[in-house]
Amino acid sequence: MFRSFHMRTVGLALMLVAAAGCSSKKAAIYEHENFDDSGTFSRTYPVSDAVTCEAGPRALLSQGYIITSSDPKLVSGHKSFQQTGDTHMEISFNLVCAEDGGAGHHATMFANALQDQYALKKVNNSASLGVGVLGSVSMPIGSSDDSMVKVASETVSAAKFYERFFALVEMFLPADAKKGVPATEKPNTELGVPEPKAEPAALAPTAPPAAPAPVEATPAASEPVAPPAEPAPIAPSEPAPYVGPESTLEEIKPPPPSDLPPPTEAIQPLPSS
């Protein structure tokens, strides 16, 4: 009898422990939210928010998603997947683009994907049939309809999933944004804004171009041509005196008179050879 009492006591203790374990509260799902900046759901691009949100729908459309809302800074789309004959899954994408507000054009894209699961369920419908001859007699008529019912909904949190999406968005950005250079706006010449011109390189000095031959201007056909003026009469002029060629001979001057006395004797002739 004592042994039987002891066994009952042990069994009661085990039941109390099991009941205490079942009644313990589980940790709430929001306890796992750390709110840390892991970068899983966002990516920054060196372009404006409008250009970033323009590349988002193109990336989704290239993968078969249907765009349901396309605002300048908010994009929504979804895609359906048929897993089995009785289950269906749908992924909904929400994209939000925000300007960083810095000196350059930088914007951050926030992406969130929601996964909804549907299952084929049968819904029973009942109807009643009243027979007036027999009195108030009702006969139940049963029927069943097949319909897809949402059975689960969860936010996709896989980091690889978003990395592949953000890499695809980068492929649809302008070429200068792929190199990490902010996009520069081209001046609009229609509004009178001149385009920047590059400074010409220094060139070697070249010979000046030949002056073009003067082109005689022709009067317009609609204007009258003035008659040429009559030339004035030429008055006769006196002939200029003839100037002959200058003489190349020098003027010969006589020698000055000599102060020597005249000879007193006759000069003898020279002997002949």
Protein backbone atom coordinates (compact mmCIF):
# COMPACT_ATOMS: atom_id res chain seq x y z
CA MET A 1 0.00 0.00 0.00
CA PHE A 2 2.82 2.36 0.82
CA ARG A 3 4.40 1.61 -2.56
CA SER A 4 1.19 2.34 -4.34
CA PHE A 5 0.93 5.70 -2.57
CA HIS A 6 4.49 6.54 -3.55
CA MET A 7 3.79 5.77 -7.21
CA ARG A 8 0.72 7.98 -7.16
CA THR A 9 2.73 10.84 -5.71
CA VAL A 10 5.41 10.56 -8.41
CA GLY A 11 2.80 10.42 -11.14
CA LEU A 12 1.05 13.51 -9.79
CA ALA A 13 4.35 15.39 -9.70
CA LEU A 14 5.08 14.51 -13.30
CA MET A 15 1.65 15.69 -14.36
CA LEU A 16 2.17 19.01 -12.56
CA VAL A 17 5.54 19.51 -14.30
CA ALA A 18 4.02 18.74 -17.70
CA ALA A 19 1.15 21.12 -17.05
CA ALA A 20 3.58 23.86 -16.02
CA GLY A 21 5.59 23.34 -19.20
CA CYS A 22 2.52 23.57 -21.37
CA SER A 23 1.31 26.70 -19.65
CA SER A 24 4.64 28.57 -20.09
CA LYS A 25 4.38 31.49 -22.50
CA LYS A 26 6.28 31.39 -25.77
CA ALA A 27 8.40 34.35 -26.86
CA ALA A 28 6.45 36.80 -28.98
CA ILE A 29 7.40 37.09 -32.62
CA TYR A 30 8.27 40.79 -32.28
CA GLU A 31 11.03 39.85 -29.82
CA HIS A 32 13.10 38.75 -32.82
CA GLU A 33 12.96 42.22 -34.41
CA ASN A 34 16.37 43.80 -33.79
CA PHE A 35 15.89 46.85 -36.05
CA ASP A 36 19.54 46.78 -37.04
CA ASP A 37 20.83 48.38 -40.24
CA SER A 38 21.68 45.17 -42.09
CA GLY A 39 21.03 46.64 -45.55
CA THR A 40 18.90 43.68 -46.61
CA PHE A 41 15.88 45.70 -47.69
CA SER A 42 17.58 48.85 -49.02
CA ARG A 43 20.27 49.91 -51.47
CA THR A 44 21.71 53.37 -52.30
CA TYR A 45 22.39 54.43 -55.89
CA PRO A 46 24.28 57.53 -57.18
CA VAL A 47 21.25 58.90 -59.06
CA SER A 48 18.09 60.80 -58.21
CA ASP A 49 15.00 59.14 -56.73
CA ALA A 50 13.07 59.52 -60.00
CA VAL A 51 15.76 57.70 -61.98
CA THR A 52 16.00 54.99 -59.32
CA CYS A 53 12.25 54.32 -59.31
CA GLU A 54 12.28 54.24 -63.10
CA ALA A 55 14.74 51.34 -63.06
CA GLY A 56 12.72 49.40 -60.45
CA PRO A 57 9.66 48.62 -62.64
CA ARG A 58 11.92 47.67 -65.54
CA ALA A 59 13.70 45.14 -63.35
CA LEU A 60 10.38 43.64 -62.21
CA LEU A 61 8.92 43.57 -65.72
CA SER A 62 11.98 41.74 -67.02
CA GLN A 63 11.24 38.90 -64.55
CA GLY A 64 7.55 38.49 -65.37
CA TYR A 65 6.05 40.65 -62.62
CA ILE A 66 2.82 42.57 -63.26
CA ILE A 67 3.04 46.24 -62.26
CA THR A 68 -0.13 47.31 -60.42
CA SER A 69 0.99 50.78 -59.30
CA SER A 70 3.77 52.92 -60.75
CA ASP A 71 4.11 56.31 -59.09
CA PRO A 72 7.26 58.48 -59.35
CA LYS A 73 8.43 57.25 -55.93
CA LEU A 74 6.25 54.17 -55.23
CA VAL A 75 6.05 50.96 -57.29
CA SER A 76 3.96 47.83 -56.65
CA GLY A 77 3.91 44.54 -58.56
CA HIS A 78 3.14 40.87 -58.10
CA LYS A 79 3.89 37.47 -59.66
CA SER A 80 2.03 34.15 -59.32
CA PHE A 81 3.54 30.67 -58.86
CA GLN A 82 1.68 27.34 -59.14
CA GLN A 83 3.50 24.89 -56.90
CA THR A 84 1.10 21.92 -57.03
CA GLY A 85 -2.43 21.33 -58.19
CA ASP A 86 -3.87 22.33 -54.81
CA THR A 87 -1.41 25.04 -53.70
CA HIS A 88 -0.70 28.46 -55.12
CA MET A 89 1.83 31.13 -54.12
CA GLU A 90 2.04 34.85 -54.96
CA ILE A 91 4.90 37.29 -54.35
CA SER A 92 4.03 40.98 -54.05
CA PHE A 93 6.79 43.61 -54.41
CA ASN A 94 6.65 47.12 -52.94
CA LEU A 95 9.38 49.62 -53.86
CA VAL A 96 9.84 53.06 -52.28
CA CYS A 97 12.52 55.54 -53.45
CA ALA A 98 13.72 58.40 -51.24
CA GLU A 99 16.21 61.19 -51.96
CA ASP A 100 19.13 61.35 -49.54
CA GLY A 101 19.25 65.15 -49.64
CA GLY A 102 23.03 65.41 -49.95
CA ALA A 103 25.13 67.58 -52.25
CA GLY A 104 25.11 64.99 -55.05
CA HIS A 105 22.23 63.04 -56.54
CA HIS A 106 21.92 59.96 -54.31
CA ALA A 107 18.74 58.02 -53.60
CA THR A 108 17.88 54.92 -51.55
CA MET A 109 15.51 52.23 -52.77
CA PHE A 110 13.58 50.26 -50.13
CA ALA A 111 12.25 46.89 -51.31
CA ASN A 112 9.80 44.62 -49.52
CA ALA A 113 8.49 41.29 -50.85
CA LEU A 114 5.42 39.60 -49.37
CA GLN A 115 4.79 35.88 -49.92
CA ASP A 116 1.16 34.71 -49.82
CA GLN A 117 0.20 31.01 -49.97
CA TYR A 118 -3.18 29.78 -51.14
CA ALA A 119 -4.69 26.30 -50.89
CA LEU A 120 -7.67 24.70 -52.61
CA LYS A 121 -10.51 24.32 -50.15
CA LYS A 122 -14.01 22.94 -50.53
CA VAL A 123 -16.83 25.08 -49.20
CA ASN A 124 -20.11 23.26 -48.39
CA ASN A 125 -23.33 25.02 -49.28
CA SER A 126 -26.69 23.81 -47.97
CA ALA A 127 -30.17 24.65 -49.19
CA SER A 128 -33.71 23.67 -48.04
CA LEU A 129 -36.71 22.62 -50.12
CA GLY A 130 -40.22 23.17 -48.81
CA VAL A 131 -43.14 21.00 -49.94
CA GLY A 132 -46.47 22.76 -49.45
CA VAL A 133 -48.65 19.65 -49.92
CA LEU A 134 -47.07 17.71 -47.08
CA GLY A 135 -46.85 20.71 -44.86
CA SER A 136 -43.74 22.45 -43.64
CA VAL A 137 -41.25 19.77 -44.61
CA SER A 138 -37.67 20.84 -45.44
CA MET A 139 -35.19 18.61 -47.26
CA PRO A 140 -31.51 19.64 -47.08
CA ILE A 141 -29.65 19.72 -50.39
CA GLY A 142 -25.86 19.87 -50.05
CA SER A 143 -23.26 21.09 -52.56
CA SER A 144 -19.56 21.93 -52.46
CA ASP A 145 -17.52 24.52 -54.39
CA ASP A 146 -13.74 24.55 -54.79
CA SER A 147 -11.99 27.88 -54.10
CA MET A 148 -8.49 29.10 -53.31
CA VAL A 149 -8.15 30.28 -49.73
CA LYS A 150 -5.18 32.16 -48.29
CA VAL A 151 -3.54 29.96 -45.72
CA ALA A 152 -0.25 31.80 -45.02
CA SER A 153 1.38 35.20 -45.52
CA GLU A 154 5.00 36.03 -44.73
CA THR A 155 7.55 38.74 -45.57
CA VAL A 156 10.52 37.44 -47.53
CA SER A 157 13.67 38.10 -45.48
CA ALA A 158 16.32 36.17 -47.42
CA ALA A 159 19.34 38.42 -48.03
CA LYS A 160 20.34 36.62 -51.27
CA PHE A 161 16.88 37.26 -52.72
CA TYR A 162 17.20 41.04 -52.33
CA GLU A 163 20.85 41.09 -53.42
CA ARG A 164 19.90 39.57 -56.77
CA PHE A 165 17.06 42.07 -57.18
CA PHE A 166 19.20 45.13 -56.38
CA ALA A 167 21.90 43.90 -58.78
CA LEU A 168 19.25 43.65 -61.51
CA VAL A 169 18.04 47.20 -60.77
CA GLU A 170 21.61 48.47 -61.18
CA MET A 171 21.72 47.01 -64.69
CA PHE A 172 18.79 49.26 -65.71
CA LEU A 173 20.42 52.46 -64.40
CA PRO A 174 22.15 54.91 -66.79
CA ALA A 175 25.66 54.05 -67.92
CA ASP A 176 27.34 56.79 -65.86
CA ALA A 177 25.58 55.58 -62.70
CA LYS A 178 27.01 52.08 -63.15
CA LYS A 179 30.51 53.58 -62.92
CA GLY A 180 29.65 55.38 -59.68
CA VAL A 181 29.58 58.83 -61.27
CA PRO A 182 26.52 61.00 -60.55
CA ALA A 183 24.38 61.75 -63.59
CA THR A 184 24.81 65.31 -64.85
CA GLU A 185 22.00 67.11 -66.57
CA LYS A 186 22.67 68.33 -70.10
CA PRO A 187 21.93 72.06 -70.59
CA ASN A 188 18.83 72.76 -72.59
CA THR A 189 19.78 74.78 -75.66
CA GLU A 190 16.14 75.57 -76.40
CA LEU A 191 15.97 77.69 -73.23
CA GLY A 192 19.05 79.69 -74.22
CA VAL A 193 21.50 77.89 -71.96
CA PRO A 194 24.81 77.53 -73.84
CA GLU A 195 26.53 74.18 -73.87
CA PRO A 196 30.00 74.05 -72.30
CA LYS A 197 32.70 74.04 -74.94
CA ALA A 198 36.01 72.26 -74.52
CA GLU A 199 39.13 74.35 -74.76
CA PRO A 200 40.93 73.75 -78.08
CA ALA A 201 44.37 72.21 -77.94
CA ALA A 202 47.39 74.33 -78.81
CA LEU A 203 48.15 74.05 -82.51
CA ALA A 204 51.38 74.74 -84.40
CA PRO A 205 51.49 78.17 -86.15
CA THR A 206 50.38 77.94 -89.72
CA ALA A 207 50.76 80.28 -92.64
CA PRO A 208 48.06 82.93 -92.86
CA PRO A 209 45.42 82.08 -95.45
CA ALA A 210 45.56 83.87 -98.75
CA ALA A 211 43.24 86.80 -99.06
CA PRO A 212 40.33 85.98 -101.34
CA ALA A 213 40.00 87.84 -104.56
CA PRO A 214 37.67 90.81 -104.30
CA VAL A 215 34.26 89.98 -105.61
CA GLU A 216 32.53 92.75 -107.47
CA ALA A 217 29.22 93.36 -105.86
CA THR A 218 26.29 93.13 -108.22
CA PRO A 219 23.29 95.36 -107.57
CA ALA A 220 20.02 93.79 -106.69
CA ALA A 221 17.61 93.18 -109.54
CA SER A 222 14.87 95.19 -107.87
CA GLU A 223 17.02 98.35 -107.43
CA PRO A 224 17.66 100.80 -110.35
CA VAL A 225 21.22 101.05 -111.60
CA ALA A 226 22.63 104.60 -111.59
CA PRO A 227 24.26 105.71 -114.92
CA PRO A 228 28.02 106.13 -114.84
CA ALA A 229 29.27 109.68 -114.33
CA GLU A 230 30.72 111.50 -117.40
CA PRO A 231 34.49 111.89 -117.24
CA ALA A 232 35.81 115.47 -116.82
CA PRO A 233 37.77 116.97 -119.80
CA ILE A 234 41.53 116.75 -119.56
CA ALA A 235 43.26 120.19 -119.85
CA PRO A 236 46.44 120.29 -122.04
CA SER A 237 49.62 120.75 -120.10
CA GLU A 238 52.98 122.28 -121.15
CA PRO A 239 55.68 119.82 -122.17
CA ALA A 240 58.34 119.27 -119.60
CA PRO A 241 61.86 120.39 -120.50
CA TYR A 242 64.11 117.63 -121.84
CA VAL A 243 66.72 116.52 -119.46
CA GLY A 244 69.47 114.63 -121.13
CA PRO A 245 71.63 112.04 -119.62
CA GLU A 246 74.25 113.34 -117.31
CA SER A 247 77.79 113.51 -118.71
CA THR A 248 80.14 110.96 -117.34
CA LEU A 249 83.29 113.10 -118.23
CA GLU A 250 84.88 115.23 -115.57
CA GLU A 251 85.53 118.91 -116.25
CA ILE A 252 89.26 119.59 -117.06
CA LYS A 253 90.68 122.64 -115.37
CA PRO A 254 93.88 124.41 -116.62
CA PRO A 255 97.01 124.25 -114.39
CA PRO A 256 97.81 127.27 -112.30
CA PRO A 257 100.47 129.69 -113.63
CA SER A 258 104.09 128.77 -112.73
CA ASP A 259 106.44 131.17 -110.89
CA LEU A 260 109.67 129.72 -112.50
CA PRO A 261 111.78 131.93 -114.85
CA PRO A 262 111.82 131.06 -118.51
CA PRO A 263 114.82 128.95 -119.76
CA THR A 264 117.83 130.83 -121.10
CA GLU A 265 119.25 128.09 -123.33
CA ALA A 266 117.58 126.10 -125.96
CA ILE A 267 116.69 122.55 -125.02
CA GLN A 268 118.71 120.03 -126.98
CA PRO A 269 116.82 117.31 -128.76
CA LEU A 270 117.15 113.79 -127.51
CA PRO A 271 119.57 111.53 -129.40
CA SER A 272 117.88 109.15 -131.77
CA SER A 273 118.30 105.46 -131.09
